[in-house]
Each structure stands twice: as C-alpha cells, then as structure tokens.
C-alpha cells in the first residue's frame, strides 16, 4: 500500500501444485515491481487445494513480505474459479494475472503497465 492506503497493482496467481517454484515466481514479481514499476503492489496467491506443499510455501512467503497474501481454497475448483476468487479479493487499481508455472515471465509486467499508461 502507498501512503493513501491504496494499492496500485495487484498480481493474482492461481496456484496448483506449484510449491517447488512458487518462491522463485514471487521473488521475481517483487523484484520487477520494486525496481521497474515503482508502484505500490500486492501479490495474491490462491491455492487451489494443491496436494503438495503449495499452501505452506504461500504461508511462508506471506510471513516474509506483507505485500503477499494467500487464499487457501477448501477444495479444488479449477484455475478459472481460483483466478476469480483472487480477483474478488484483490484491491489494486490495476490487476495483472499470471499463471503459476512461469510460462509468462514476470519481467513482462512493466510492458503491460506501460501500455495501460
């Protein structure tokens, strides 16, 4: 949040069995948003009832950085519903969605935001 209590950018990520690489994803998103974007931000990670350590990783990341929030769904609802849940709980003026598999690099976020500006 910035001084006015508003968040400029929310990054929403539906997560399913992504515990092994979620740490890398979040650290890359944070690095990009801190250095290249310079706007207040939050990262909303939605665990879609993964059967691995995804929720534990989300809890650790949220404890390390107050800009990271986690939502733990009680049952697997699928990527679309997990994404919808994250969108409903995001508070940013602009919302960016990312898949959890790093197929789309977080380093592309500034290009998207530049186009919106």
C-alpha atoms as a PDB file:
ATOM      1  CA  UNK A   1       0.000   0.000   0.000  1.00  0.00           C
ATOM      2  CA  UNK A   2       1.072   3.552  -0.528  1.00  0.00           C
ATOM      3  CA  UNK A   3       0.619   6.496   1.859  1.00  0.00           C
ATOM      4  CA  UNK A   4      -3.042   6.832   0.897  1.00  0.00           C
ATOM      5  CA  UNK A   5      -3.761   3.184   1.746  1.00  0.00           C
ATOM      6  CA  UNK A   6      -4.315   2.301  -1.892  1.00  0.00           C
ATOM      7  CA  UNK A   7      -2.598  -0.393  -3.879  1.00  0.00           C
ATOM      8  CA  UNK A   8      -1.716   0.489  -7.464  1.00  0.00           C
ATOM      9  CA  UNK A   9      -1.124  -3.025  -8.822  1.00  0.00           C
ATOM     10  CA  UNK A  10      -2.427  -6.417  -7.756  1.00  0.00           C
ATOM     11  CA  UNK A  11      -0.838  -9.538  -9.206  1.00  0.00           C
ATOM     12  CA  UNK A  12      -3.203 -12.504  -8.894  1.00  0.00           C
ATOM     13  CA  UNK A  13      -1.821 -16.023  -9.293  1.00  0.00           C
ATOM     14  CA  UNK A  14      -3.961 -19.175  -9.120  1.00  0.00           C
ATOM     15  CA  UNK A  15      -1.681 -21.896  -7.730  1.00  0.00           C
ATOM     16  CA  UNK A  16      -1.901 -25.640  -8.156  1.00  0.00           C
ATOM     17  CA  UNK A  17       0.949 -27.957  -7.206  1.00  0.00           C
ATOM     18  CA  UNK A  18       3.434 -25.134  -7.628  1.00  0.00           C
ATOM     19  CA  UNK A  19       5.193 -25.309  -4.279  1.00  0.00           C
ATOM     20  CA  UNK A  20       8.530 -26.215  -5.860  1.00  0.00           C
ATOM     21  CA  UNK A  21       8.851 -22.980  -7.883  1.00  0.00           C
ATOM     22  CA  UNK A  22       6.444 -20.547  -6.224  1.00  0.00           C
ATOM     23  CA  UNK A  23       9.248 -18.938  -4.232  1.00  0.00           C
ATOM     24  CA  UNK A  24      11.081 -18.073  -7.460  1.00  0.00           C
ATOM     25  CA  UNK A  25       7.911 -16.671  -9.039  1.00  0.00           C
ATOM     26  CA  UNK A  26       7.157 -14.380  -6.098  1.00  0.00           C
ATOM     27  CA  UNK A  27      10.729 -13.153  -5.776  1.00  0.00           C
ATOM     28  CA  UNK A  28      10.837 -12.327  -9.487  1.00  0.00           C
ATOM     29  CA  UNK A  29       7.493 -10.488  -9.314  1.00  0.00           C
ATOM     30  CA  UNK A  30       8.670  -8.500  -6.282  1.00  0.00           C
ATOM     31  CA  UNK A  31      11.972  -7.624  -7.954  1.00  0.00           C
ATOM     32  CA  UNK A  32      10.219  -6.411 -11.099  1.00  0.00           C
ATOM     33  CA  UNK A  33       7.573  -4.401  -9.299  1.00  0.00           C
ATOM     34  CA  UNK A  34      10.041  -2.800  -6.891  1.00  0.00           C
ATOM     35  CA  UNK A  35      12.649  -1.835  -9.473  1.00  0.00           C
ATOM     36  CA  UNK A  36      10.958  -1.397 -12.830  1.00  0.00           C
ATOM     37  CA  UNK A  37       7.474  -0.312 -11.890  1.00  0.00           C
ATOM     38  CA  UNK A  38       7.869   1.733  -8.717  1.00  0.00           C
ATOM     39  CA  UNK A  39       4.204   1.469  -7.720  1.00  0.00           C
ATOM     40  CA  UNK A  40       2.616   0.025  -4.624  1.00  0.00           C
ATOM     41  CA  UNK A  41       1.570  -3.571  -5.143  1.00  0.00           C
ATOM     42  CA  UNK A  42       0.225  -6.752  -3.668  1.00  0.00           C
ATOM     43  CA  UNK A  43       0.561 -10.363  -4.759  1.00  0.00           C
ATOM     44  CA  UNK A  44      -2.496 -12.571  -4.208  1.00  0.00           C
ATOM     45  CA  UNK A  45      -1.726 -16.284  -4.330  1.00  0.00           C
ATOM     46  CA  UNK A  46      -4.738 -18.613  -4.462  1.00  0.00           C
ATOM     47  CA  UNK A  47      -4.035 -22.221  -3.531  1.00  0.00           C
ATOM     48  CA  UNK A  48      -6.494 -24.400  -5.461  1.00  0.00           C
ATOM     49  CA  UNK A  49      -6.359 -27.243  -2.910  1.00  0.00           C
ATOM     50  CA  UNK A  50      -2.977 -28.493  -4.106  1.00  0.00           C
ATOM     51  CA  UNK A  51      -1.895 -31.877  -2.857  1.00  0.00           C
ATOM     52  CA  UNK A  52       1.684 -30.716  -2.307  1.00  0.00           C
ATOM     53  CA  UNK A  53       3.418 -28.089  -0.176  1.00  0.00           C
ATOM     54  CA  UNK A  54       1.983 -25.126  -2.100  1.00  0.00           C
ATOM     55  CA  UNK A  55      -0.040 -23.744   0.822  1.00  0.00           C
ATOM     56  CA  UNK A  56       2.909 -23.995   3.200  1.00  0.00           C
ATOM     57  CA  UNK A  57       5.080 -22.086   0.721  1.00  0.00           C
ATOM     58  CA  UNK A  58       2.376 -19.412   0.360  1.00  0.00           C
ATOM     59  CA  UNK A  59       2.180 -19.031   4.148  1.00  0.00           C
ATOM     60  CA  UNK A  60       5.975 -18.660   4.340  1.00  0.00           C
ATOM     61  CA  UNK A  61       6.042 -16.060   1.559  1.00  0.00           C
ATOM     62  CA  UNK A  62       3.207 -14.079   3.172  1.00  0.00           C
ATOM     63  CA  UNK A  63       5.005 -14.127   6.525  1.00  0.00           C
ATOM     64  CA  UNK A  64       8.182 -12.809   4.872  1.00  0.00           C
ATOM     65  CA  UNK A  65       6.505  -9.999   2.908  1.00  0.00           C
ATOM     66  CA  UNK A  66       3.327  -8.212   3.933  1.00  0.00           C
ATOM     67  CA  UNK A  67       2.551  -7.457   0.293  1.00  0.00           C
ATOM     68  CA  UNK A  68       1.951 -11.175  -0.328  1.00  0.00           C
ATOM     69  CA  UNK A  69      -1.456 -12.559   0.616  1.00  0.00           C
ATOM     70  CA  UNK A  70      -2.658 -16.122   0.400  1.00  0.00           C
ATOM     71  CA  UNK A  71      -6.076 -17.662  -0.048  1.00  0.00           C
ATOM     72  CA  UNK A  72      -6.474 -21.377   0.605  1.00  0.00           C
ATOM     73  CA  UNK A  73      -9.453 -22.950  -1.140  1.00  0.00           C
ATOM     74  CA  UNK A  74     -11.017 -25.901   0.693  1.00  0.00           C
ATOM     75  CA  UNK A  75     -11.427 -27.973  -2.443  1.00  0.00           C
ATOM     76  CA  UNK A  76     -10.075 -27.982  -5.955  1.00  0.00           C
ATOM     77  CA  UNK A  77     -12.249 -25.677  -8.045  1.00  0.00           C
ATOM     78  CA  UNK A  78     -10.133 -25.295 -11.172  1.00  0.00           C
ATOM     79  CA  UNK A  79      -7.979 -22.482 -12.476  1.00  0.00           C
ATOM     80  CA  UNK A  80     -10.849 -20.218 -13.569  1.00  0.00           C
ATOM     81  CA  UNK A  81     -12.593 -20.246 -10.194  1.00  0.00           C
ATOM     82  CA  UNK A  82      -9.301 -19.887  -8.312  1.00  0.00           C
ATOM     83  CA  UNK A  83      -8.486 -16.883 -10.507  1.00  0.00           C
ATOM     84  CA  UNK A  84     -11.972 -15.432  -9.956  1.00  0.00           C
ATOM     85  CA  UNK A  85     -11.513 -15.792  -6.201  1.00  0.00           C
ATOM     86  CA  UNK A  86      -8.195 -13.950  -6.385  1.00  0.00           C
ATOM     87  CA  UNK A  87      -9.727 -11.187  -8.484  1.00  0.00           C
ATOM     88  CA  UNK A  88     -12.559 -10.800  -5.974  1.00  0.00           C
ATOM     89  CA  UNK A  89     -10.042 -10.368  -3.140  1.00  0.00           C
ATOM     90  CA  UNK A  90      -7.574  -8.089  -4.925  1.00  0.00           C
ATOM     91  CA  UNK A  91      -7.542  -4.401  -4.043  1.00  0.00           C
ATOM     92  CA  UNK A  92      -5.291  -2.904  -6.718  1.00  0.00           C
ATOM     93  CA  UNK A  93      -6.356  -0.210  -9.146  1.00  0.00           C
ATOM     94  CA  UNK A  94      -4.849  -2.419 -11.869  1.00  0.00           C
ATOM     95  CA  UNK A  95      -4.928  -6.213 -11.725  1.00  0.00           C
ATOM     96  CA  UNK A  96      -2.414  -8.391 -13.536  1.00  0.00           C
ATOM     97  CA  UNK A  97      -2.926 -12.144 -13.701  1.00  0.00           C
ATOM     98  CA  UNK A  98      -0.141 -14.669 -14.013  1.00  0.00           C
ATOM     99  CA  UNK A  99      -0.070 -18.425 -14.227  1.00  0.00           C
ATOM    100  CA  UNK A 100       1.996 -20.117 -11.556  1.00  0.00           C
ATOM    101  CA  UNK A 101       4.257 -22.047 -13.946  1.00  0.00           C
ATOM    102  CA  UNK A 102       6.496 -19.131 -15.038  1.00  0.00           C
ATOM    103  CA  UNK A 103       5.499 -19.683 -18.665  1.00  0.00           C
ATOM    104  CA  UNK A 104       4.879 -15.930 -18.893  1.00  0.00           C
ATOM    105  CA  UNK A 105       7.819 -14.145 -17.298  1.00  0.00           C
ATOM    106  CA  UNK A 106       7.044 -11.596 -14.570  1.00  0.00           C
ATOM    107  CA  UNK A 107       9.600  -9.362 -16.262  1.00  0.00           C
ATOM    108  CA  UNK A 108       6.928  -8.629 -18.908  1.00  0.00           C
ATOM    109  CA  UNK A 109       4.657  -6.879 -16.381  1.00  0.00           C
ATOM    110  CA  UNK A 110       6.229  -3.417 -16.936  1.00  0.00           C
ATOM    111  CA  UNK A 111       5.445  -3.628 -20.671  1.00  0.00           C
ATOM    112  CA  UNK A 112       1.794  -4.330 -19.889  1.00  0.00           C
ATOM    113  CA  UNK A 113       1.609  -1.455 -17.429  1.00  0.00           C
ATOM    114  CA  UNK A 114       3.341   0.890 -19.883  1.00  0.00           C
ATOM    115  CA  UNK A 115       0.663   0.096 -22.474  1.00  0.00           C
ATOM    116  CA  UNK A 116      -2.070   0.864 -19.948  1.00  0.00           C
ATOM    117  CA  UNK A 117      -0.495   4.207 -19.112  1.00  0.00           C
END
